[in-house]
Amino acid sequence: MTCFVHIKTSVGKAFEVLENVKKIEGVVEAYTVTGEYDIIAKVEVKDLKDLGDKIVKKIHSIDGVLSTVTSIAIT
């Protein structure tokens, strides 16, 4: 299952958060971007439970992460 996680960070924390996101198992790609969110990460997971664990236990636990929005690829 391929997902895209849009991550909003605290001011000045985007690059630090990006480096930590890239270390998470299942994160295939991650970039700082312009727009409403600061980072977009492409994540490969086996199921919705795995996705929830990655977001709640891994991404949200990174210092500087304010919020996330996740899109699940359907094609």
PDB file of N, CA and C in Angstrom:
ATOM      1  N   MET A   1       0.853  -1.160   0.000  1.00  0.00           N
ATOM      2  CA  MET A   1       0.000   0.000   0.000  1.00  0.00           C
ATOM      3  C   MET A   1       0.905   1.231   0.000  1.00  0.00           C
ATOM      4  N   THR A   2       0.684   2.119  -0.948  1.00  0.00           N
ATOM      5  CA  THR A   2       1.479   3.344  -1.049  1.00  0.00           C
ATOM      6  C   THR A   2       0.679   4.518  -0.506  1.00  0.00           C
ATOM      7  N   CYS A   3       1.326   5.311   0.346  1.00  0.00           N
ATOM      8  CA  CYS A   3       0.683   6.469   0.961  1.00  0.00           C
ATOM      9  C   CYS A   3       1.600   7.679   0.867  1.00  0.00           C
ATOM     10  N   PHE A   4       0.998   8.850   0.903  1.00  0.00           N
ATOM     11  CA  PHE A   4       1.747  10.096   0.934  1.00  0.00           C
ATOM     12  C   PHE A   4       1.356  10.834   2.205  1.00  0.00           C
ATOM     13  N   VAL A   5       2.348  11.138   3.029  1.00  0.00           N
ATOM     14  CA  VAL A   5       2.099  11.819   4.295  1.00  0.00           C
ATOM     15  C   VAL A   5       2.602  13.250   4.165  1.00  0.00           C
ATOM     16  N   HIS A   6       1.682  14.195   4.325  1.00  0.00           N
ATOM     17  CA  HIS A   6       1.996  15.621   4.277  1.00  0.00           C
ATOM     18  C   HIS A   6       2.216  16.058   5.723  1.00  0.00           C
ATOM     19  N   ILE A   7       3.367  16.650   5.998  1.00  0.00           N
ATOM     20  CA  ILE A   7       3.757  16.950   7.377  1.00  0.00           C
ATOM     21  C   ILE A   7       3.961  18.448   7.559  1.00  0.00           C
ATOM     22  N   LYS A   8       3.293  19.003   8.567  1.00  0.00           N
ATOM     23  CA  LYS A   8       3.485  20.401   8.946  1.00  0.00           C
ATOM     24  C   LYS A   8       4.429  20.419  10.144  1.00  0.00           C
ATOM     25  N   THR A   9       5.451  21.289  10.094  1.00  0.00           N
ATOM     26  CA  THR A   9       6.447  21.336  11.164  1.00  0.00           C
ATOM     27  C   THR A   9       6.474  22.703  11.845  1.00  0.00           C
ATOM     28  N   SER A  10       7.111  22.742  13.004  1.00  0.00           N
ATOM     29  CA  SER A  10       7.359  24.006  13.688  1.00  0.00           C
ATOM     30  C   SER A  10       8.311  24.835  12.832  1.00  0.00           C
ATOM     31  N   VAL A  11       8.245  26.150  12.992  1.00  0.00           N
ATOM     32  CA  VAL A  11       9.121  27.051  12.247  1.00  0.00           C
ATOM     33  C   VAL A  11      10.580  26.680  12.499  1.00  0.00           C
ATOM     34  N   GLY A  12      11.330  26.541  11.421  1.00  0.00           N
ATOM     35  CA  GLY A  12      12.749  26.248  11.516  1.00  0.00           C
ATOM     36  C   GLY A  12      13.106  24.790  11.755  1.00  0.00           C
ATOM     37  N   LYS A  13      12.114  23.897  11.788  1.00  0.00           N
ATOM     38  CA  LYS A  13      12.371  22.483  12.102  1.00  0.00           C
ATOM     39  C   LYS A  13      12.266  21.550  10.892  1.00  0.00           C
ATOM     40  N   ALA A  14      11.924  22.066   9.732  1.00  0.00           N
ATOM     41  CA  ALA A  14      11.637  21.199   8.580  1.00  0.00           C
ATOM     42  C   ALA A  14      12.800  20.282   8.217  1.00  0.00           C
ATOM     43  N   PHE A  15      14.007  20.814   8.155  1.00  0.00           N
ATOM     44  CA  PHE A  15      15.141  19.983   7.728  1.00  0.00           C
ATOM     45  C   PHE A  15      15.489  18.928   8.768  1.00  0.00           C
ATOM     46  N   GLU A  16      15.379  19.284  10.041  1.00  0.00           N
ATOM     47  CA  GLU A  16      15.635  18.322  11.124  1.00  0.00           C
ATOM     48  C   GLU A  16      14.585  17.208  11.107  1.00  0.00           C
ATOM     49  N   VAL A  17      13.321  17.588  10.953  1.00  0.00           N
ATOM     50  CA  VAL A  17      12.240  16.602  10.880  1.00  0.00           C
ATOM     51  C   VAL A  17      12.440  15.707   9.658  1.00  0.00           C
ATOM     52  N   LEU A  18      12.797  16.299   8.530  1.00  0.00           N
ATOM     53  CA  LEU A  18      13.012  15.531   7.301  1.00  0.00           C
ATOM     54  C   LEU A  18      14.035  14.418   7.513  1.00  0.00           C
ATOM     55  N   GLU A  19      15.145  14.736   8.143  1.00  0.00           N
ATOM     56  CA  GLU A  19      16.184  13.726   8.367  1.00  0.00           C
ATOM     57  C   GLU A  19      15.670  12.581   9.242  1.00  0.00           C
ATOM     58  N   ASN A  20      14.843  12.900  10.238  1.00  0.00           N
ATOM     59  CA  ASN A  20      14.270  11.861  11.100  1.00  0.00           C
ATOM     60  C   ASN A  20      13.217  11.031  10.369  1.00  0.00           C
ATOM     61  N   VAL A  21      12.415  11.666   9.535  1.00  0.00           N
ATOM     62  CA  VAL A  21      11.400  10.948   8.756  1.00  0.00           C
ATOM     63  C   VAL A  21      12.074   9.947   7.822  1.00  0.00           C
ATOM     64  N   LYS A  22      13.167  10.341   7.195  1.00  0.00           N
ATOM     65  CA  LYS A  22      13.874   9.464   6.256  1.00  0.00           C
ATOM     66  C   LYS A  22      14.407   8.200   6.924  1.00  0.00           C
ATOM     67  N   LYS A  23      14.588   8.222   8.230  1.00  0.00           N
ATOM     68  CA  LYS A  23      15.109   7.066   8.971  1.00  0.00           C
ATOM     69  C   LYS A  23      14.034   6.018   9.286  1.00  0.00           C
ATOM     70  N   ILE A  24      12.766   6.369   9.097  1.00  0.00           N
ATOM     71  CA  ILE A  24      11.666   5.466   9.440  1.00  0.00           C
ATOM     72  C   ILE A  24      11.547   4.363   8.388  1.00  0.00           C
ATOM     73  N   GLU A  25      11.480   3.122   8.858  1.00  0.00           N
ATOM     74  CA  GLU A  25      11.310   1.986   7.956  1.00  0.00           C
ATOM     75  C   GLU A  25      10.010   2.146   7.174  1.00  0.00           C
ATOM     76  N   GLY A  26      10.079   1.972   5.871  1.00  0.00           N
ATOM     77  CA  GLY A  26       8.901   2.105   5.023  1.00  0.00           C
ATOM     78  C   GLY A  26       8.834   3.432   4.296  1.00  0.00           C
ATOM     79  N   VAL A  27       9.600   4.424   4.752  1.00  0.00           N
ATOM     80  CA  VAL A  27       9.642   5.704   4.045  1.00  0.00           C
ATOM     81  C   VAL A  27      10.549   5.518   2.834  1.00  0.00           C
ATOM     82  N   VAL A  28       9.950   5.637   1.656  1.00  0.00           N
ATOM     83  CA  VAL A  28      10.655   5.409   0.399  1.00  0.00           C
ATOM     84  C   VAL A  28      11.336   6.691  -0.074  1.00  0.00           C
ATOM     85  N   GLU A  29      10.621   7.806   0.063  1.00  0.00           N
ATOM     86  CA  GLU A  29      11.125   9.117  -0.336  1.00  0.00           C
ATOM     87  C   GLU A  29      10.545  10.147   0.613  1.00  0.00           C
ATOM     88  N   ALA A  30      11.269  11.250   0.804  1.00  0.00           N
ATOM     89  CA  ALA A  30      10.746  12.358   1.606  1.00  0.00           C
ATOM     90  C   ALA A  30      11.435  13.639   1.156  1.00  0.00           C
ATOM     91  N   TYR A  31      10.655  14.709   1.055  1.00  0.00           N
ATOM     92  CA  TYR A  31      11.158  15.979   0.542  1.00  0.00           C
ATOM     93  C   TYR A  31      10.581  17.144   1.336  1.00  0.00           C
ATOM     94  N   THR A  32      11.360  18.221   1.466  1.00  0.00           N
ATOM     95  CA  THR A  32      10.787  19.481   1.921  1.00  0.00           C
ATOM     96  C   THR A  32      10.140  20.112   0.691  1.00  0.00           C
ATOM     97  N   VAL A  33       8.998  20.757   0.901  1.00  0.00           N
ATOM     98  CA  VAL A  33       8.231  21.315  -0.212  1.00  0.00           C
ATOM     99  C   VAL A  33       7.682  22.688   0.159  1.00  0.00           C
ATOM    100  N   THR A  34       7.231  23.408  -0.856  1.00  0.00           N
ATOM    101  CA  THR A  34       6.558  24.677  -0.615  1.00  0.00           C
ATOM    102  C   THR A  34       5.069  24.411  -0.456  1.00  0.00           C
ATOM    103  N   GLY A  35       4.355  25.372   0.093  1.00  0.00           N
ATOM    104  CA  GLY A  35       2.912  25.234   0.239  1.00  0.00           C
ATOM    105  C   GLY A  35       2.488  25.098   1.687  1.00  0.00           C
ATOM    106  N   GLU A  36       1.292  24.581   1.887  1.00  0.00           N
ATOM    107  CA  GLU A  36       0.703  24.480   3.222  1.00  0.00           C
ATOM    108  C   GLU A  36       1.487  23.549   4.144  1.00  0.00           C
ATOM    109  N   TYR A  37       2.054  22.494   3.584  1.00  0.00           N
ATOM    110  CA  TYR A  37       2.831  21.542   4.380  1.00  0.00           C
ATOM    111  C   TYR A  37       4.311  21.719   4.079  1.00  0.00           C
ATOM    112  N   ASP A  38       5.146  21.287   4.990  1.00  0.00           N
ATOM    113  CA  ASP A  38       6.589  21.494   4.872  1.00  0.00           C
ATOM    114  C   ASP A  38       7.323  20.289   4.297  1.00  0.00           C
ATOM    115  N   ILE A  39       6.750  19.102   4.484  1.00  0.00           N
ATOM    116  CA  ILE A  39       7.387  17.857   4.044  1.00  0.00           C
ATOM    117  C   ILE A  39       6.326  16.946   3.435  1.00  0.00           C
ATOM    118  N   ILE A  40       6.710  16.236   2.386  1.00  0.00           N
ATOM    119  CA  ILE A  40       5.873  15.157   1.853  1.00  0.00           C
ATOM    120  C   ILE A  40       6.721  13.895   1.865  1.00  0.00           C
ATOM    121  N   ALA A  41       6.166  12.829   2.432  1.00  0.00           N
ATOM    122  CA  ALA A  41       6.869  11.547   2.496  1.00  0.00           C
ATOM    123  C   ALA A  41       6.045  10.478   1.792  1.00  0.00           C
ATOM    124  N   LYS A  42       6.700   9.716   0.940  1.00  0.00           N
ATOM    125  CA  LYS A  42       6.075   8.552   0.304  1.00  0.00           C
ATOM    126  C   LYS A  42       6.391   7.359   1.190  1.00  0.00           C
ATOM    127  N   VAL A  43       5.336   6.673   1.632  1.00  0.00           N
ATOM    128  CA  VAL A  43       5.490   5.585   2.596  1.00  0.00           C
ATOM    129  C   VAL A  43       4.853   4.317   2.040  1.00  0.00           C
ATOM    130  N   GLU A  44       5.567   3.206   2.141  1.00  0.00           N
ATOM    131  CA  GLU A  44       5.044   1.891   1.753  1.00  0.00           C
ATOM    132  C   GLU A  44       4.711   1.123   3.031  1.00  0.00           C
ATOM    133  N   VAL A  45       3.448   0.690   3.153  1.00  0.00           N
ATOM    134  CA  VAL A  45       3.003  -0.060   4.335  1.00  0.00           C
ATOM    135  C   VAL A  45       2.247  -1.304   3.884  1.00  0.00           C
ATOM    136  N   LYS A  46       2.110  -2.280   4.801  1.00  0.00           N
ATOM    137  CA  LYS A  46       1.425  -3.522   4.419  1.00  0.00           C
ATOM    138  C   LYS A  46      -0.090  -3.427   4.567  1.00  0.00           C
ATOM    139  N   ASP A  47      -0.561  -2.594   5.516  1.00  0.00           N
ATOM    140  CA  ASP A  47      -2.000  -2.460   5.738  1.00  0.00           C
ATOM    141  C   ASP A  47      -2.278  -1.183   6.537  1.00  0.00           C
ATOM    142  N   LEU A  48      -3.561  -0.934   6.816  1.00  0.00           N
ATOM    143  CA  LEU A  48      -3.934   0.288   7.537  1.00  0.00           C
ATOM    144  C   LEU A  48      -3.384   0.332   8.955  1.00  0.00           C
ATOM    145  N   LYS A  49      -3.284  -0.810   9.610  1.00  0.00           N
ATOM    146  CA  LYS A  49      -2.714  -0.839  10.958  1.00  0.00           C
ATOM    147  C   LYS A  49      -1.256  -0.402  10.921  1.00  0.00           C
ATOM    148  N   ASP A  50      -0.517  -0.920   9.959  1.00  0.00           N
ATOM    149  CA  ASP A  50       0.888  -0.542   9.797  1.00  0.00           C
ATOM    150  C   ASP A  50       1.002   0.958   9.523  1.00  0.00           C
ATOM    151  N   LEU A  51       0.111   1.482   8.688  1.00  0.00           N
ATOM    152  CA  LEU A  51       0.100   2.916   8.401  1.00  0.00           C
ATOM    153  C   LEU A  51      -0.142   3.717   9.673  1.00  0.00           C
ATOM    154  N   GLY A  52      -1.151   3.320  10.434  1.00  0.00           N
ATOM    155  CA  GLY A  52      -1.457   4.013  11.688  1.00  0.00           C
ATOM    156  C   GLY A  52      -0.285   3.994  12.650  1.00  0.00           C
ATOM    157  N   ASP A  53       0.366   2.850  12.764  1.00  0.00           N
ATOM    158  CA  ASP A  53       1.535   2.742  13.646  1.00  0.00           C
ATOM    159  C   ASP A  53       2.647   3.680  13.201  1.00  0.00           C
ATOM    160  N   LYS A  54       2.911   3.733  11.899  1.00  0.00           N
ATOM    161  CA  LYS A  54       3.983   4.598  11.393  1.00  0.00           C
ATOM    162  C   LYS A  54       3.674   6.068  11.669  1.00  0.00           C
ATOM    163  N   ILE A  55       2.420   6.458  11.479  1.00  0.00           N
ATOM    164  CA  ILE A  55       2.067   7.866  11.667  1.00  0.00           C
ATOM    165  C   ILE A  55       2.020   8.230  13.144  1.00  0.00           C
ATOM    166  N   VAL A  56       1.286   7.473  13.931  1.00  0.00           N
ATOM    167  CA  VAL A  56       1.094   7.822  15.342  1.00  0.00           C
ATOM    168  C   VAL A  56       2.344   7.567  16.177  1.00  0.00           C
ATOM    169  N   LYS A  57       2.958   6.410  16.010  1.00  0.00           N
ATOM    170  CA  LYS A  57       4.095   6.047  16.867  1.00  0.00           C
ATOM    171  C   LYS A  57       5.427   6.594  16.376  1.00  0.00           C
ATOM    172  N   LYS A  58       5.577   6.783  15.079  1.00  0.00           N
ATOM    173  CA  LYS A  58       6.874   7.208  14.533  1.00  0.00           C
ATOM    174  C   LYS A  58       6.875   8.692  14.156  1.00  0.00           C
ATOM    175  N   ILE A  59       6.032   9.071  13.199  1.00  0.00           N
ATOM    176  CA  ILE A  59       6.086  10.440  12.681  1.00  0.00           C
ATOM    177  C   ILE A  59       5.644  11.455  13.728  1.00  0.00           C
ATOM    178  N   HIS A  60       4.520  11.206  14.383  1.00  0.00           N
ATOM    179  CA  HIS A  60       4.032  12.171  15.374  1.00  0.00           C
ATOM    180  C   HIS A  60       4.935  12.282  16.594  1.00  0.00           C
ATOM    181  N   SER A  61       5.806  11.316  16.807  1.00  0.00           N
ATOM    182  CA  SER A  61       6.707  11.378  17.964  1.00  0.00           C
ATOM    183  C   SER A  61       7.968  12.198  17.679  1.00  0.00           C
ATOM    184  N   ILE A  62       8.163  12.615  16.441  1.00  0.00           N
ATOM    185  CA  ILE A  62       9.341  13.419  16.087  1.00  0.00           C
ATOM    186  C   ILE A  62       9.143  14.847  16.585  1.00  0.00           C
ATOM    187  N   ASP A  63      10.146  15.353  17.289  1.00  0.00           N
ATOM    188  CA  ASP A  63      10.101  16.729  17.783  1.00  0.00           C
ATOM    189  C   ASP A  63      10.006  17.691  16.598  1.00  0.00           C
ATOM    190  N   GLY A  64       9.034  18.581  16.643  1.00  0.00           N
ATOM    191  CA  GLY A  64       8.852  19.561  15.581  1.00  0.00           C
ATOM    192  C   GLY A  64       7.697  19.258  14.650  1.00  0.00           C
ATOM    193  N   VAL A  65       7.125  18.057  14.726  1.00  0.00           N
ATOM    194  CA  VAL A  65       5.962  17.720  13.897  1.00  0.00           C
ATOM    195  C   VAL A  65       4.715  18.299  14.554  1.00  0.00           C
ATOM    196  N   LEU A  66       3.995  19.135  13.821  1.00  0.00           N
ATOM    197  CA  LEU A  66       2.767  19.744  14.340  1.00  0.00           C
ATOM    198  C   LEU A  66       1.524  18.961  13.932  1.00  0.00           C
ATOM    199  N   SER A  67       1.467  18.538  12.660  1.00  0.00           N
ATOM    200  CA  SER A  67       0.294  17.799  12.186  1.00  0.00           C
ATOM    201  C   SER A  67       0.636  17.070  10.895  1.00  0.00           C
ATOM    202  N   THR A  68      -0.232  16.114  10.552  1.00  0.00           N
ATOM    203  CA  THR A  68      -0.066  15.376   9.299  1.00  0.00           C
ATOM    204  C   THR A  68      -1.417  15.189   8.620  1.00  0.00           C
ATOM    205  N   VAL A  69      -1.363  15.020   7.320  1.00  0.00           N
ATOM    206  CA  VAL A  69      -2.517  14.609   6.521  1.00  0.00           C
ATOM    207  C   VAL A  69      -2.007  13.500   5.612  1.00  0.00           C
ATOM    208  N   THR A  70      -2.738  12.393   5.557  1.00  0.00           N
ATOM    209  CA  THR A  70      -2.287  11.241   4.780  1.00  0.00           C
ATOM    210  C   THR A  70      -3.229  10.969   3.613  1.00  0.00           C
ATOM    211  N   SER A  71      -2.636  10.731   2.453  1.00  0.00           N
ATOM    212  CA  SER A  71      -3.381  10.336   1.259  1.00  0.00           C
ATOM    213  C   SER A  71      -2.942   8.931   0.886  1.00  0.00           C
ATOM    214  N   ILE A  72      -3.916   8.061   0.609  1.00  0.00           N
ATOM    215  CA  ILE A  72      -3.623   6.688   0.210  1.00  0.00           C
ATOM    216  C   ILE A  72      -3.786   6.586  -1.301  1.00  0.00           C
ATOM    217  N   ALA A  73      -2.744   6.094  -1.976  1.00  0.00           N
ATOM    218  CA  ALA A  73      -2.803   5.926  -3.430  1.00  0.00           C
ATOM    219  C   ALA A  73      -3.798   4.818  -3.771  1.00  0.00           C
ATOM    220  N   ILE A  74      -4.637   5.061  -4.771  1.00  0.00           N
ATOM    221  CA  ILE A  74      -5.640   4.066  -5.145  1.00  0.00           C
ATOM    222  C   ILE A  74      -5.383   3.478  -6.532  1.00  0.00           C
ATOM    223  N   THR A  75      -4.340   3.926  -7.200  1.00  0.00           N
ATOM    224  CA  THR A  75      -3.994   3.347  -8.511  1.00  0.00           C
ATOM    225  C   THR A  75      -2.560   2.878  -8.506  1.00  0.00           C
TER     226      THR A  75
END
